[in-house]
Amino acid sequence: MCFLVWYVRYRLWQDSQNWVYLIKELDRITGQGQSAISVDDTLALVEIFLVEAYRS
């Protein structure tokens, strides 16, 4: 069970890094400058989403 928790957390962290990269590239391409989102912010949002989905 512990391995599964770490695996899911690692995958969520990887996904959040991908989203941050895509957001920064979109900001760069569109000329909007610095993005206000970080990997930690994205991961926190994903965790909140999963908690809410689990409660439903």
N, C-alpha and C. Protein backbone atom coordinates (compact mmCIF):
# COMPACT_ATOMS: atom_id res chain seq x y z
N MET A 1 0.83 -1.20 0.00
CA MET A 1 0.00 0.00 0.00
C MET A 1 0.87 1.26 0.00
N CYS A 2 1.94 1.24 0.79
CA CYS A 2 2.80 2.41 0.87
C CYS A 2 3.45 2.70 -0.49
N PHE A 3 3.85 1.65 -1.20
CA PHE A 3 4.45 1.83 -2.52
C PHE A 3 3.46 2.50 -3.47
N LEU A 4 2.22 2.08 -3.41
CA LEU A 4 1.19 2.64 -4.27
C LEU A 4 0.99 4.13 -3.99
N VAL A 5 0.97 4.50 -2.74
CA VAL A 5 0.81 5.92 -2.37
C VAL A 5 1.97 6.74 -2.91
N TRP A 6 3.20 6.25 -2.75
CA TRP A 6 4.36 6.98 -3.26
C TRP A 6 4.34 7.05 -4.78
N TYR A 7 3.93 5.97 -5.42
CA TYR A 7 3.87 5.95 -6.88
C TYR A 7 2.87 6.98 -7.39
N VAL A 8 1.69 7.00 -6.80
CA VAL A 8 0.65 7.96 -7.23
C VAL A 8 1.13 9.38 -6.98
N ARG A 9 1.72 9.61 -5.83
CA ARG A 9 2.22 10.96 -5.53
C ARG A 9 3.30 11.38 -6.53
N TYR A 10 4.21 10.46 -6.86
CA TYR A 10 5.26 10.76 -7.83
C TYR A 10 4.67 11.08 -9.20
N ARG A 11 3.68 10.29 -9.62
CA ARG A 11 3.05 10.53 -10.92
C ARG A 11 2.33 11.88 -10.94
N LEU A 12 1.67 12.22 -9.86
CA LEU A 12 1.00 13.53 -9.78
C LEU A 12 2.02 14.65 -9.85
N TRP A 13 3.16 14.46 -9.18
CA TRP A 13 4.20 15.46 -9.22
C TRP A 13 4.73 15.62 -10.65
N GLN A 14 4.94 14.51 -11.35
CA GLN A 14 5.40 14.56 -12.74
C GLN A 14 4.38 15.29 -13.61
N ASP A 15 3.10 14.95 -13.43
CA ASP A 15 2.06 15.61 -14.22
C ASP A 15 2.01 17.10 -13.94
N SER A 16 2.18 17.47 -12.67
CA SER A 16 2.15 18.89 -12.34
C SER A 16 3.33 19.62 -12.99
N GLN A 17 4.49 18.96 -13.05
CA GLN A 17 5.64 19.58 -13.72
C GLN A 17 5.33 19.78 -15.21
N ASN A 18 4.69 18.81 -15.82
CA ASN A 18 4.33 18.93 -17.23
C ASN A 18 3.38 20.10 -17.44
N TRP A 19 2.39 20.26 -16.56
CA TRP A 19 1.45 21.36 -16.69
C TRP A 19 2.14 22.70 -16.53
N VAL A 20 3.04 22.80 -15.56
CA VAL A 20 3.77 24.05 -15.35
C VAL A 20 4.60 24.37 -16.58
N TYR A 21 5.26 23.36 -17.15
CA TYR A 21 6.05 23.58 -18.36
C TYR A 21 5.17 24.09 -19.50
N LEU A 22 4.02 23.44 -19.69
CA LEU A 22 3.11 23.86 -20.76
C LEU A 22 2.60 25.28 -20.54
N ILE A 23 2.28 25.62 -19.31
CA ILE A 23 1.79 26.97 -19.01
C ILE A 23 2.88 28.00 -19.29
N LYS A 24 4.11 27.69 -18.88
CA LYS A 24 5.21 28.63 -19.12
C LYS A 24 5.48 28.78 -20.61
N GLU A 25 5.41 27.69 -21.36
CA GLU A 25 5.61 27.78 -22.81
C GLU A 25 4.49 28.60 -23.45
N LEU A 26 3.28 28.40 -23.02
CA LEU A 26 2.16 29.18 -23.55
C LEU A 26 2.35 30.66 -23.23
N ASP A 27 2.77 30.96 -22.00
CA ASP A 27 3.05 32.36 -21.64
C ASP A 27 4.16 32.94 -22.51
N ARG A 28 5.19 32.14 -22.76
CA ARG A 28 6.32 32.61 -23.58
C ARG A 28 5.88 32.87 -25.01
N ILE A 29 5.11 31.94 -25.55
CA ILE A 29 4.67 32.06 -26.94
C ILE A 29 3.72 33.25 -27.12
N THR A 30 2.83 33.43 -26.16
CA THR A 30 1.85 34.52 -26.27
C THR A 30 2.39 35.85 -25.77
N GLY A 31 3.62 35.82 -25.18
CA GLY A 31 4.23 37.07 -24.74
C GLY A 31 3.66 37.61 -23.45
N GLN A 32 3.10 36.76 -22.62
CA GLN A 32 2.49 37.23 -21.38
C GLN A 32 3.46 37.27 -20.21
N GLY A 33 4.69 36.87 -20.43
CA GLY A 33 5.70 36.98 -19.38
C GLY A 33 5.65 35.85 -18.37
N GLN A 34 5.95 36.17 -17.12
CA GLN A 34 6.04 35.16 -16.06
C GLN A 34 4.66 34.61 -15.68
N SER A 35 4.64 33.32 -15.44
CA SER A 35 3.43 32.68 -14.95
C SER A 35 3.43 32.71 -13.43
N ALA A 36 2.26 32.80 -12.85
CA ALA A 36 2.16 32.87 -11.39
C ALA A 36 1.99 31.50 -10.76
N ILE A 37 2.05 30.44 -11.54
CA ILE A 37 1.83 29.09 -11.00
C ILE A 37 3.15 28.36 -10.87
N SER A 38 3.26 27.58 -9.80
CA SER A 38 4.47 26.79 -9.57
C SER A 38 4.11 25.31 -9.51
N VAL A 39 5.11 24.46 -9.46
CA VAL A 39 4.86 23.03 -9.35
C VAL A 39 4.13 22.73 -8.05
N ASP A 40 4.53 23.36 -6.96
CA ASP A 40 3.88 23.13 -5.68
C ASP A 40 2.41 23.55 -5.72
N ASP A 41 2.13 24.69 -6.35
CA ASP A 41 0.74 25.14 -6.47
C ASP A 41 -0.08 24.16 -7.28
N THR A 42 0.47 23.69 -8.37
CA THR A 42 -0.24 22.75 -9.23
C THR A 42 -0.50 21.44 -8.49
N LEU A 43 0.51 20.96 -7.78
CA LEU A 43 0.36 19.72 -7.02
C LEU A 43 -0.71 19.87 -5.94
N ALA A 44 -0.74 21.01 -5.28
CA ALA A 44 -1.76 21.26 -4.26
C ALA A 44 -3.15 21.23 -4.89
N LEU A 45 -3.29 21.82 -6.07
CA LEU A 45 -4.59 21.81 -6.74
C LEU A 45 -5.01 20.39 -7.14
N VAL A 46 -4.06 19.61 -7.61
CA VAL A 46 -4.36 18.22 -7.98
C VAL A 46 -4.77 17.42 -6.75
N GLU A 47 -4.08 17.62 -5.64
CA GLU A 47 -4.44 16.90 -4.41
C GLU A 47 -5.82 17.29 -3.92
N ILE A 48 -6.17 18.56 -4.00
CA ILE A 48 -7.51 19.00 -3.62
C ILE A 48 -8.55 18.35 -4.51
N PHE A 49 -8.28 18.30 -5.81
CA PHE A 49 -9.20 17.67 -6.74
C PHE A 49 -9.40 16.19 -6.40
N LEU A 50 -8.31 15.49 -6.09
CA LEU A 50 -8.42 14.07 -5.76
C LEU A 50 -9.17 13.85 -4.46
N VAL A 51 -8.96 14.70 -3.48
CA VAL A 51 -9.70 14.57 -2.22
C VAL A 51 -11.19 14.76 -2.46
N GLU A 52 -11.53 15.77 -3.24
CA GLU A 52 -12.94 16.02 -3.55
C GLU A 52 -13.54 14.87 -4.35
N ALA A 53 -12.78 14.31 -5.28
CA ALA A 53 -13.27 13.19 -6.08
C ALA A 53 -13.46 11.95 -5.20
N TYR A 54 -12.57 11.77 -4.23
CA TYR A 54 -12.66 10.63 -3.32
C TYR A 54 -13.87 10.74 -2.42
N ARG A 55 -14.19 11.95 -2.01
CA ARG A 55 -15.36 12.18 -1.13
C ARG A 55 -16.67 11.92 -1.85
N SER A 56 -16.68 12.12 -3.15
CA SER A 56 -17.94 11.98 -3.92
C SER A 56 -18.36 10.55 -4.06
